[in-house]
Amino acid sequence: MRARVFVTLKPSVFDPQGTTVTEALHALGFDAVRDVRQGKYFELDVDAASVEQARRIVSEAADKLLANPVIESYRVELEERAAQPAGAPRHPAAVAEATK
């Protein structure tokens, strides 16, 4: 199962990197961009018997290592993969999402 974890600073936390990127975009003429918040992205391949088990594993990993729960929030997307022959393109069979 493929898990995607999106980690972002909580809205109340100052984001100097996002501010710098916003200012740079304005200098380049992208005045329509109002705000930028930076974050992190992780992809995990998880061996799990169910979506619920995968969610527990990934959420625990995010709580303990991937995100700092004091200043960051995270969102988890899970994608079940159907059995496919070797070399076949992968298409999601089902996607589940959760935010913390």
PDB file of N, CA and C in Angstrom:
ATOM      1  N   MET A   1       0.851  -1.163   0.000  1.00  0.00           N
ATOM      2  CA  MET A   1       0.000   0.000   0.000  1.00  0.00           C
ATOM      3  C   MET A   1       0.902   1.232   0.000  1.00  0.00           C
ATOM      4  N   ARG A   2       0.556   2.223  -0.773  1.00  0.00           N
ATOM      5  CA  ARG A   2       1.334   3.460  -0.846  1.00  0.00           C
ATOM      6  C   ARG A   2       0.676   4.483   0.074  1.00  0.00           C
ATOM      7  N   ALA A   3       1.497   5.123   0.894  1.00  0.00           N
ATOM      8  CA  ALA A   3       1.025   6.197   1.762  1.00  0.00           C
ATOM      9  C   ALA A   3       1.751   7.478   1.390  1.00  0.00           C
ATOM     10  N   ARG A   4       1.010   8.549   1.343  1.00  0.00           N
ATOM     11  CA  ARG A   4       1.587   9.871   1.119  1.00  0.00           C
ATOM     12  C   ARG A   4       1.296  10.700   2.355  1.00  0.00           C
ATOM     13  N   VAL A   5       2.336  11.342   2.884  1.00  0.00           N
ATOM     14  CA  VAL A   5       2.181  12.163   4.079  1.00  0.00           C
ATOM     15  C   VAL A   5       2.603  13.586   3.726  1.00  0.00           C
ATOM     16  N   PHE A   6       1.680  14.518   3.912  1.00  0.00           N
ATOM     17  CA  PHE A   6       1.926  15.935   3.663  1.00  0.00           C
ATOM     18  C   PHE A   6       2.013  16.624   5.024  1.00  0.00           C
ATOM     19  N   VAL A   7       3.155  17.228   5.320  1.00  0.00           N
ATOM     20  CA  VAL A   7       3.381  17.879   6.607  1.00  0.00           C
ATOM     21  C   VAL A   7       3.499  19.378   6.367  1.00  0.00           C
ATOM     22  N   THR A   8       2.711  20.161   7.106  1.00  0.00           N
ATOM     23  CA  THR A   8       2.768  21.616   6.979  1.00  0.00           C
ATOM     24  C   THR A   8       2.784  22.253   8.368  1.00  0.00           C
ATOM     25  N   LEU A   9       3.317  23.461   8.407  1.00  0.00           N
ATOM     26  CA  LEU A   9       3.289  24.209   9.658  1.00  0.00           C
ATOM     27  C   LEU A   9       1.843  24.550  10.004  1.00  0.00           C
ATOM     28  N   LYS A  10       1.528  24.541  11.292  1.00  0.00           N
ATOM     29  CA  LYS A  10       0.195  24.949  11.724  1.00  0.00           C
ATOM     30  C   LYS A  10      -0.001  26.417  11.359  1.00  0.00           C
ATOM     31  N   PRO A  11      -1.247  26.818  11.112  1.00  0.00           N
ATOM     32  CA  PRO A  11      -1.508  28.203  10.692  1.00  0.00           C
ATOM     33  C   PRO A  11      -0.973  29.257  11.668  1.00  0.00           C
ATOM     34  N   SER A  12      -0.899  28.938  12.942  1.00  0.00           N
ATOM     35  CA  SER A  12      -0.444  29.910  13.943  1.00  0.00           C
ATOM     36  C   SER A  12       1.080  30.043  14.007  1.00  0.00           C
ATOM     37  N   VAL A  13       1.806  29.188  13.277  1.00  0.00           N
ATOM     38  CA  VAL A  13       3.269  29.192  13.318  1.00  0.00           C
ATOM     39  C   VAL A  13       3.805  30.047  12.170  1.00  0.00           C
ATOM     40  N   PHE A  14       4.698  30.980  12.488  1.00  0.00           N
ATOM     41  CA  PHE A  14       5.324  31.841  11.492  1.00  0.00           C
ATOM     42  C   PHE A  14       6.146  30.991  10.535  1.00  0.00           C
ATOM     43  N   ASP A  15       6.042  31.285   9.245  1.00  0.00           N
ATOM     44  CA  ASP A  15       6.723  30.520   8.198  1.00  0.00           C
ATOM     45  C   ASP A  15       7.641  31.450   7.411  1.00  0.00           C
ATOM     46  N   PRO A  16       8.887  31.670   7.891  1.00  0.00           N
ATOM     47  CA  PRO A  16       9.776  32.595   7.198  1.00  0.00           C
ATOM     48  C   PRO A  16      10.137  32.141   5.781  1.00  0.00           C
ATOM     49  N   GLN A  17      10.254  30.836   5.560  1.00  0.00           N
ATOM     50  CA  GLN A  17      10.559  30.352   4.209  1.00  0.00           C
ATOM     51  C   GLN A  17       9.388  30.641   3.267  1.00  0.00           C
ATOM     52  N   GLY A  18       8.180  30.426   3.734  1.00  0.00           N
ATOM     53  CA  GLY A  18       7.009  30.734   2.920  1.00  0.00           C
ATOM     54  C   GLY A  18       6.926  32.217   2.608  1.00  0.00           C
ATOM     55  N   THR A  19       7.247  33.066   3.583  1.00  0.00           N
ATOM     56  CA  THR A  19       7.243  34.514   3.379  1.00  0.00           C
ATOM     57  C   THR A  19       8.268  34.908   2.323  1.00  0.00           C
ATOM     58  N   THR A  20       9.458  34.330   2.403  1.00  0.00           N
ATOM     59  CA  THR A  20      10.513  34.621   1.428  1.00  0.00           C
ATOM     60  C   THR A  20      10.091  34.207   0.024  1.00  0.00           C
ATOM     61  N   VAL A  21       9.481  33.037  -0.102  1.00  0.00           N
ATOM     62  CA  VAL A  21       9.028  32.565  -1.410  1.00  0.00           C
ATOM     63  C   VAL A  21       7.914  33.468  -1.937  1.00  0.00           C
ATOM     64  N   THR A  22       6.995  33.873  -1.067  1.00  0.00           N
ATOM     65  CA  THR A  22       5.927  34.787  -1.480  1.00  0.00           C
ATOM     66  C   THR A  22       6.512  36.078  -2.039  1.00  0.00           C
ATOM     67  N   GLU A  23       7.478  36.653  -1.316  1.00  0.00           N
ATOM     68  CA  GLU A  23       8.113  37.901  -1.761  1.00  0.00           C
ATOM     69  C   GLU A  23       8.847  37.709  -3.093  1.00  0.00           C
ATOM     70  N   ALA A  24       9.527  36.577  -3.248  1.00  0.00           N
ATOM     71  CA  ALA A  24      10.244  36.297  -4.498  1.00  0.00           C
ATOM     72  C   ALA A  24       9.261  36.151  -5.665  1.00  0.00           C
ATOM     73  N   LEU A  25       8.152  35.487  -5.428  1.00  0.00           N
ATOM     74  CA  LEU A  25       7.142  35.341  -6.475  1.00  0.00           C
ATOM     75  C   LEU A  25       6.576  36.702  -6.879  1.00  0.00           C
ATOM     76  N   HIS A  26       6.337  37.571  -5.898  1.00  0.00           N
ATOM     77  CA  HIS A  26       5.854  38.923  -6.208  1.00  0.00           C
ATOM     78  C   HIS A  26       6.892  39.675  -7.038  1.00  0.00           C
ATOM     79  N   ALA A  27       8.177  39.534  -6.696  1.00  0.00           N
ATOM     80  CA  ALA A  27       9.248  40.202  -7.447  1.00  0.00           C
ATOM     81  C   ALA A  27       9.311  39.699  -8.891  1.00  0.00           C
ATOM     82  N   LEU A  28       8.893  38.457  -9.105  1.00  0.00           N
ATOM     83  CA  LEU A  28       8.889  37.874 -10.454  1.00  0.00           C
ATOM     84  C   LEU A  28       7.593  38.165 -11.208  1.00  0.00           C
ATOM     85  N   GLY A  29       6.705  38.920 -10.573  1.00  0.00           N
ATOM     86  CA  GLY A  29       5.472  39.297 -11.247  1.00  0.00           C
ATOM     87  C   GLY A  29       4.264  38.441 -10.944  1.00  0.00           C
ATOM     88  N   PHE A  30       4.393  37.503 -10.032  1.00  0.00           N
ATOM     89  CA  PHE A  30       3.262  36.645  -9.664  1.00  0.00           C
ATOM     90  C   PHE A  30       2.472  37.299  -8.528  1.00  0.00           C
ATOM     91  N   ASP A  31       1.883  38.459  -8.827  1.00  0.00           N
ATOM     92  CA  ASP A  31       1.177  39.219  -7.798  1.00  0.00           C
ATOM     93  C   ASP A  31      -0.112  38.553  -7.335  1.00  0.00           C
ATOM     94  N   ALA A  32      -0.637  37.626  -8.115  1.00  0.00           N
ATOM     95  CA  ALA A  32      -1.864  36.936  -7.738  1.00  0.00           C
ATOM     96  C   ALA A  32      -1.646  35.959  -6.581  1.00  0.00           C
ATOM     97  N   VAL A  33      -0.392  35.567  -6.331  1.00  0.00           N
ATOM     98  CA  VAL A  33      -0.091  34.660  -5.217  1.00  0.00           C
ATOM     99  C   VAL A  33      -0.164  35.463  -3.929  1.00  0.00           C
ATOM    100  N   ARG A  34      -1.098  35.111  -3.073  1.00  0.00           N
ATOM    101  CA  ARG A  34      -1.315  35.864  -1.839  1.00  0.00           C
ATOM    102  C   ARG A  34      -0.427  35.386  -0.702  1.00  0.00           C
ATOM    103  N   ASP A  35      -0.195  34.062  -0.623  1.00  0.00           N
ATOM    104  CA  ASP A  35       0.567  33.526   0.509  1.00  0.00           C
ATOM    105  C   ASP A  35       1.144  32.178   0.119  1.00  0.00           C
ATOM    106  N   VAL A  36       2.275  31.836   0.708  1.00  0.00           N
ATOM    107  CA  VAL A  36       2.900  30.529   0.510  1.00  0.00           C
ATOM    108  C   VAL A  36       3.215  29.955   1.884  1.00  0.00           C
ATOM    109  N   ARG A  37       2.880  28.691   2.072  1.00  0.00           N
ATOM    110  CA  ARG A  37       3.254  27.962   3.282  1.00  0.00           C
ATOM    111  C   ARG A  37       4.079  26.769   2.810  1.00  0.00           C
ATOM    112  N   GLN A  38       5.271  26.605   3.340  1.00  0.00           N
ATOM    113  CA  GLN A  38       6.123  25.500   2.934  1.00  0.00           C
ATOM    114  C   GLN A  38       5.834  24.275   3.795  1.00  0.00           C
ATOM    115  N   GLY A  39       6.261  23.129   3.312  1.00  0.00           N
ATOM    116  CA  GLY A  39       6.035  21.901   4.058  1.00  0.00           C
ATOM    117  C   GLY A  39       6.942  20.789   3.573  1.00  0.00           C
ATOM    118  N   LYS A  40       6.609  19.572   3.995  1.00  0.00           N
ATOM    119  CA  LYS A  40       7.375  18.387   3.621  1.00  0.00           C
ATOM    120  C   LYS A  40       6.414  17.353   3.036  1.00  0.00           C
ATOM    121  N   TYR A  41       6.969  16.484   2.203  1.00  0.00           N
ATOM    122  CA  TYR A  41       6.189  15.433   1.566  1.00  0.00           C
ATOM    123  C   TYR A  41       6.957  14.122   1.681  1.00  0.00           C
ATOM    124  N   PHE A  42       6.262  13.069   2.095  1.00  0.00           N
ATOM    125  CA  PHE A  42       6.866  11.742   2.223  1.00  0.00           C
ATOM    126  C   PHE A  42       5.993  10.729   1.501  1.00  0.00           C
ATOM    127  N   GLU A  43       6.628   9.742   0.858  1.00  0.00           N
ATOM    128  CA  GLU A  43       5.927   8.581   0.316  1.00  0.00           C
ATOM    129  C   GLU A  43       6.446   7.351   1.028  1.00  0.00           C
ATOM    130  N   LEU A  44       5.545   6.543   1.532  1.00  0.00           N
ATOM    131  CA  LEU A  44       5.920   5.318   2.231  1.00  0.00           C
ATOM    132  C   LEU A  44       5.218   4.143   1.572  1.00  0.00           C
ATOM    133  N   ASP A  45       5.934   3.063   1.324  1.00  0.00           N
ATOM    134  CA  ASP A  45       5.320   1.809   0.917  1.00  0.00           C
ATOM    135  C   ASP A  45       5.147   0.987   2.180  1.00  0.00           C
ATOM    136  N   VAL A  46       3.922   0.585   2.467  1.00  0.00           N
ATOM    137  CA  VAL A  46       3.591  -0.054   3.740  1.00  0.00           C
ATOM    138  C   VAL A  46       2.988  -1.429   3.486  1.00  0.00           C
ATOM    139  N   ASP A  47       3.512  -2.437   4.177  1.00  0.00           N
ATOM    140  CA  ASP A  47       2.898  -3.759   4.159  1.00  0.00           C
ATOM    141  C   ASP A  47       1.856  -3.791   5.263  1.00  0.00           C
ATOM    142  N   ALA A  48       0.592  -3.863   4.881  1.00  0.00           N
ATOM    143  CA  ALA A  48      -0.493  -3.874   5.858  1.00  0.00           C
ATOM    144  C   ALA A  48      -1.628  -4.726   5.315  1.00  0.00           C
ATOM    145  N   ALA A  49      -2.344  -5.361   6.236  1.00  0.00           N
ATOM    146  CA  ALA A  49      -3.450  -6.238   5.855  1.00  0.00           C
ATOM    147  C   ALA A  49      -4.710  -5.460   5.499  1.00  0.00           C
ATOM    148  N   SER A  50      -4.789  -4.194   5.950  1.00  0.00           N
ATOM    149  CA  SER A  50      -5.992  -3.400   5.688  1.00  0.00           C
ATOM    150  C   SER A  50      -5.628  -1.924   5.630  1.00  0.00           C
ATOM    151  N   VAL A  51      -6.548  -1.136   5.113  1.00  0.00           N
ATOM    152  CA  VAL A  51      -6.360   0.316   5.077  1.00  0.00           C
ATOM    153  C   VAL A  51      -6.252   0.857   6.496  1.00  0.00           C
ATOM    154  N   GLU A  52      -7.065   0.329   7.399  1.00  0.00           N
ATOM    155  CA  GLU A  52      -7.035   0.795   8.787  1.00  0.00           C
ATOM    156  C   GLU A  52      -5.675   0.530   9.441  1.00  0.00           C
ATOM    157  N   GLN A  53      -5.109  -0.649   9.202  1.00  0.00           N
ATOM    158  CA  GLN A  53      -3.800  -0.974   9.762  1.00  0.00           C
ATOM    159  C   GLN A  53      -2.729  -0.066   9.154  1.00  0.00           C
ATOM    160  N   ALA A  54      -2.793   0.154   7.864  1.00  0.00           N
ATOM    161  CA  ALA A  54      -1.825   1.043   7.212  1.00  0.00           C
ATOM    162  C   ALA A  54      -1.934   2.454   7.788  1.00  0.00           C
ATOM    163  N   ARG A  55      -3.155   2.936   7.977  1.00  0.00           N
ATOM    164  CA  ARG A  55      -3.353   4.269   8.539  1.00  0.00           C
ATOM    165  C   ARG A  55      -2.753   4.371   9.941  1.00  0.00           C
ATOM    166  N   ARG A  56      -2.947   3.333  10.752  1.00  0.00           N
ATOM    167  CA  ARG A  56      -2.368   3.336  12.109  1.00  0.00           C
ATOM    168  C   ARG A  56      -0.844   3.399  12.047  1.00  0.00           C
ATOM    169  N   ILE A  57      -0.244   2.592  11.185  1.00  0.00           N
ATOM    170  CA  ILE A  57       1.216   2.551  11.066  1.00  0.00           C
ATOM    171  C   ILE A  57       1.755   3.905  10.607  1.00  0.00           C
ATOM    172  N   VAL A  58       1.166   4.449   9.564  1.00  0.00           N
ATOM    173  CA  VAL A  58       1.648   5.712   8.998  1.00  0.00           C
ATOM    174  C   VAL A  58       1.405   6.868   9.958  1.00  0.00           C
ATOM    175  N   SER A  59       0.250   6.902  10.616  1.00  0.00           N
ATOM    176  CA  SER A  59      -0.032   7.968  11.584  1.00  0.00           C
ATOM    177  C   SER A  59       0.937   7.918  12.757  1.00  0.00           C
ATOM    178  N   GLU A  60       1.266   6.728  13.218  1.00  0.00           N
ATOM    179  CA  GLU A  60       2.234   6.598  14.301  1.00  0.00           C
ATOM    180  C   GLU A  60       3.617   7.080  13.860  1.00  0.00           C
ATOM    181  N   ALA A  61       4.012   6.721  12.636  1.00  0.00           N
ATOM    182  CA  ALA A  61       5.303   7.187  12.102  1.00  0.00           C
ATOM    183  C   ALA A  61       5.313   8.710  11.994  1.00  0.00           C
ATOM    184  N   ALA A  62       4.214   9.291  11.535  1.00  0.00           N
ATOM    185  CA  ALA A  62       4.134  10.752  11.417  1.00  0.00           C
ATOM    186  C   ALA A  62       4.180  11.409  12.788  1.00  0.00           C
ATOM    187  N   ASP A  63       3.459  10.848  13.758  1.00  0.00           N
ATOM    188  CA  ASP A  63       3.453  11.405  15.121  1.00  0.00           C
ATOM    189  C   ASP A  63       4.832  11.333  15.768  1.00  0.00           C
ATOM    190  N   LYS A  64       5.557  10.240  15.525  1.00  0.00           N
ATOM    191  CA  LYS A  64       6.841  10.029  16.206  1.00  0.00           C
ATOM    192  C   LYS A  64       8.045  10.612  15.479  1.00  0.00           C
ATOM    193  N   LEU A  65       7.981  10.746  14.130  1.00  0.00           N
ATOM    194  CA  LEU A  65       9.176  11.157  13.410  1.00  0.00           C
ATOM    195  C   LEU A  65       8.939  12.174  12.301  1.00  0.00           C
ATOM    196  N   LEU A  66       7.948  11.944  11.468  1.00  0.00           N
ATOM    197  CA  LEU A  66       7.808  12.751  10.254  1.00  0.00           C
ATOM    198  C   LEU A  66       7.345  14.183  10.525  1.00  0.00           C
ATOM    199  N   ALA A  67       6.550  14.374  11.568  1.00  0.00           N
ATOM    200  CA  ALA A  67       6.019  15.704  11.882  1.00  0.00           C
ATOM    201  C   ALA A  67       6.285  16.036  13.344  1.00  0.00           C
ATOM    202  N   ASN A  68       6.478  17.312  13.607  1.00  0.00           N
ATOM    203  CA  ASN A  68       6.585  17.803  14.986  1.00  0.00           C
ATOM    204  C   ASN A  68       5.185  18.268  15.379  1.00  0.00           C
ATOM    205  N   PRO A  69       4.475  17.487  16.218  1.00  0.00           N
ATOM    206  CA  PRO A  69       3.073  17.795  16.506  1.00  0.00           C
ATOM    207  C   PRO A  69       2.859  19.132  17.229  1.00  0.00           C
ATOM    208  N   VAL A  70       3.904  19.716  17.764  1.00  0.00           N
ATOM    209  CA  VAL A  70       3.771  21.008  18.440  1.00  0.00           C
ATOM    210  C   VAL A  70       3.545  22.114  17.416  1.00  0.00           C
ATOM    211  N   ILE A  71       4.253  22.053  16.274  1.00  0.00           N
ATOM    212  CA  ILE A  71       4.174  23.144  15.299  1.00  0.00           C
ATOM    213  C   ILE A  71       3.677  22.722  13.921  1.00  0.00           C
ATOM    214  N   GLU A  72       3.493  21.406  13.690  1.00  0.00           N
ATOM    215  CA  GLU A  72       3.116  20.935  12.365  1.00  0.00           C
ATOM    216  C   GLU A  72       1.858  20.074  12.407  1.00  0.00           C
ATOM    217  N   SER A  73       1.129  20.118  11.319  1.00  0.00           N
ATOM    218  CA  SER A  73      -0.008  19.227  11.078  1.00  0.00           C
ATOM    219  C   SER A  73       0.361  18.332   9.908  1.00  0.00           C
ATOM    220  N   TYR A  74      -0.335  17.213   9.781  1.00  0.00           N
ATOM    221  CA  TYR A  74      -0.068  16.353   8.632  1.00  0.00           C
ATOM    222  C   TYR A  74      -1.367  15.768   8.103  1.00  0.00           C
ATOM    223  N   ARG A  75      -1.299  15.395   6.827  1.00  0.00           N
ATOM    224  CA  ARG A  75      -2.411  14.750   6.146  1.00  0.00           C
ATOM    225  C   ARG A  75      -1.873  13.477   5.513  1.00  0.00           C
ATOM    226  N   VAL A  76      -2.613  12.382   5.663  1.00  0.00           N
ATOM    227  CA  VAL A  76      -2.209  11.086   5.127  1.00  0.00           C
ATOM    228  C   VAL A  76      -3.183  10.680   4.022  1.00  0.00           C
ATOM    229  N   GLU A  77      -2.637  10.270   2.884  1.00  0.00           N
ATOM    230  CA  GLU A  77      -3.423   9.668   1.813  1.00  0.00           C
ATOM    231  C   GLU A  77      -2.920   8.240   1.629  1.00  0.00           C
ATOM    232  N   LEU A  78      -3.848   7.306   1.564  1.00  0.00           N
ATOM    233  CA  LEU A  78      -3.498   5.905   1.358  1.00  0.00           C
ATOM    234  C   LEU A  78      -4.061   5.437   0.028  1.00  0.00           C
ATOM    235  N   GLU A  79      -3.274   4.648  -0.667  1.00  0.00           N
ATOM    236  CA  GLU A  79      -3.672   4.139  -1.975  1.00  0.00           C
ATOM    237  C   GLU A  79      -3.471   2.634  -1.989  1.00  0.00           C
ATOM    238  N   GLU A  80      -4.571   1.898  -2.122  1.00  0.00           N
ATOM    239  CA  GLU A  80      -4.471   0.450  -2.274  1.00  0.00           C
ATOM    240  C   GLU A  80      -4.101   0.155  -3.713  1.00  0.00           C
ATOM    241  N   ARG A  81      -3.251  -0.800  -3.892  1.00  0.00           N
ATOM    242  CA  ARG A  81      -2.826  -1.165  -5.241  1.00  0.00           C
ATOM    243  C   ARG A  81      -3.400  -2.526  -5.590  1.00  0.00           C
ATOM    244  N   ALA A  82      -4.032  -2.588  -6.738  1.00  0.00           N
ATOM    245  CA  ALA A  82      -4.560  -3.865  -7.221  1.00  0.00           C
ATOM    246  C   ALA A  82      -3.403  -4.720  -7.715  1.00  0.00           C
ATOM    247  N   ALA A  83      -3.541  -6.022  -7.640  1.00  0.00           N
ATOM    248  CA  ALA A  83      -2.509  -6.927  -8.156  1.00  0.00           C
ATOM    249  C   ALA A  83      -2.379  -6.713  -9.652  1.00  0.00           C
ATOM    250  N   GLN A  84      -1.143  -6.503 -10.107  1.00  0.00           N
ATOM    251  CA  GLN A  84      -0.902  -6.235 -11.516  1.00  0.00           C
ATOM    252  C   GLN A  84       0.310  -7.014 -11.988  1.00  0.00           C
ATOM    253  N   PRO A  85       0.343  -7.339 -13.254  1.00  0.00           N
ATOM    254  CA  PRO A  85       1.511  -8.026 -13.789  1.00  0.00           C
ATOM    255  C   PRO A  85       2.743  -7.127 -13.734  1.00  0.00           C
ATOM    256  N   ALA A  86       3.900  -7.736 -13.661  1.00  0.00           N
ATOM    257  CA  ALA A  86       5.147  -6.975 -13.625  1.00  0.00           C
ATOM    258  C   ALA A  86       5.241  -6.061 -14.834  1.00  0.00           C
ATOM    259  N   GLY A  87       5.645  -4.827 -14.591  1.00  0.00           N
ATOM    260  CA  GLY A  87       5.815  -3.864 -15.661  1.00  0.00           C
ATOM    261  C   GLY A  87       4.551  -3.127 -16.070  1.00  0.00           C
ATOM    262  N   ALA A  88       3.379  -3.546 -15.570  1.00  0.00           N
ATOM    263  CA  ALA A  88       2.135  -2.858 -15.913  1.00  0.00           C
ATOM    264  C   ALA A  88       2.066  -1.528 -15.171  1.00  0.00           C
ATOM    265  N   PRO A  89       1.470  -0.513 -15.785  1.00  0.00           N
ATOM    266  CA  PRO A  89       1.341   0.761 -15.078  1.00  0.00           C
ATOM    267  C   PRO A  89       0.449   0.607 -13.859  1.00  0.00           C
ATOM    268  N   ARG A  90       0.762   1.350 -12.818  1.00  0.00           N
ATOM    269  CA  ARG A  90       0.002   1.237 -11.580  1.00  0.00           C
ATOM    270  C   ARG A  90      -1.105   2.277 -11.557  1.00  0.00           C
ATOM    271  N   HIS A  91      -2.290   1.835 -11.200  1.00  0.00           N
ATOM    272  CA  HIS A  91      -3.441   2.715 -11.053  1.00  0.00           C
ATOM    273  C   HIS A  91      -4.047   2.448  -9.679  1.00  0.00           C
ATOM    274  N   PRO A  92      -4.434   3.499  -8.959  1.00  0.00           N
ATOM    275  CA  PRO A  92      -4.993   3.271  -7.629  1.00  0.00           C
ATOM    276  C   PRO A  92      -6.320   2.535  -7.697  1.00  0.00           C
ATOM    277  N   ALA A  93      -6.486   1.545  -6.818  1.00  0.00           N
ATOM    278  CA  ALA A  93      -7.752   0.840  -6.709  1.00  0.00           C
ATOM    279  C   ALA A  93      -8.682   1.612  -5.782  1.00  0.00           C
ATOM    280  N   ALA A  94      -8.111   2.216  -4.750  1.00  0.00           N
ATOM    281  CA  ALA A  94      -8.901   3.008  -3.808  1.00  0.00           C
ATOM    282  C   ALA A  94      -7.976   3.966  -3.097  1.00  0.00           C
ATOM    283  N   VAL A  95      -8.490   5.131  -2.765  1.00  0.00           N
ATOM    284  CA  VAL A  95      -7.701   6.113  -2.046  1.00  0.00           C
ATOM    285  C   VAL A  95      -8.459   6.514  -0.796  1.00  0.00           C
ATOM    286  N   ALA A  96      -7.758   6.540   0.326  1.00  0.00           N
ATOM    287  CA  ALA A  96      -8.349   6.989   1.592  1.00  0.00           C
ATOM    288  C   ALA A  96      -7.493   8.130   2.124  1.00  0.00           C
ATOM    289  N   GLU A  97      -8.116   9.096   2.804  1.00  0.00           N
ATOM    290  CA  GLU A  97      -7.400  10.273   3.258  1.00  0.00           C
ATOM    291  C   GLU A  97      -7.769  10.578   4.704  1.00  0.00           C
ATOM    292  N   ALA A  98      -6.794  11.087   5.466  1.00  0.00           N
ATOM    293  CA  ALA A  98      -7.044  11.519   6.845  1.00  0.00           C
ATOM    294  C   ALA A  98      -6.122  12.693   7.148  1.00  0.00           C
ATOM    295  N   THR A  99      -6.583  13.574   8.026  1.00  0.00           N
ATOM    296  CA  THR A  99      -5.801  14.748   8.417  1.00  0.00           C
ATOM    297  C   THR A  99      -5.670  14.776   9.920  1.00  0.00           C
ATOM    298  N   LYS A 100      -4.495  15.199  10.364  1.00  0.00           N
ATOM    299  CA  LYS A 100      -4.289  15.368  11.813  1.00  0.00           C
ATOM    300  C   LYS A 100      -3.545  16.642  12.047  1.00  0.00           C
TER     301      LYS A 100
END
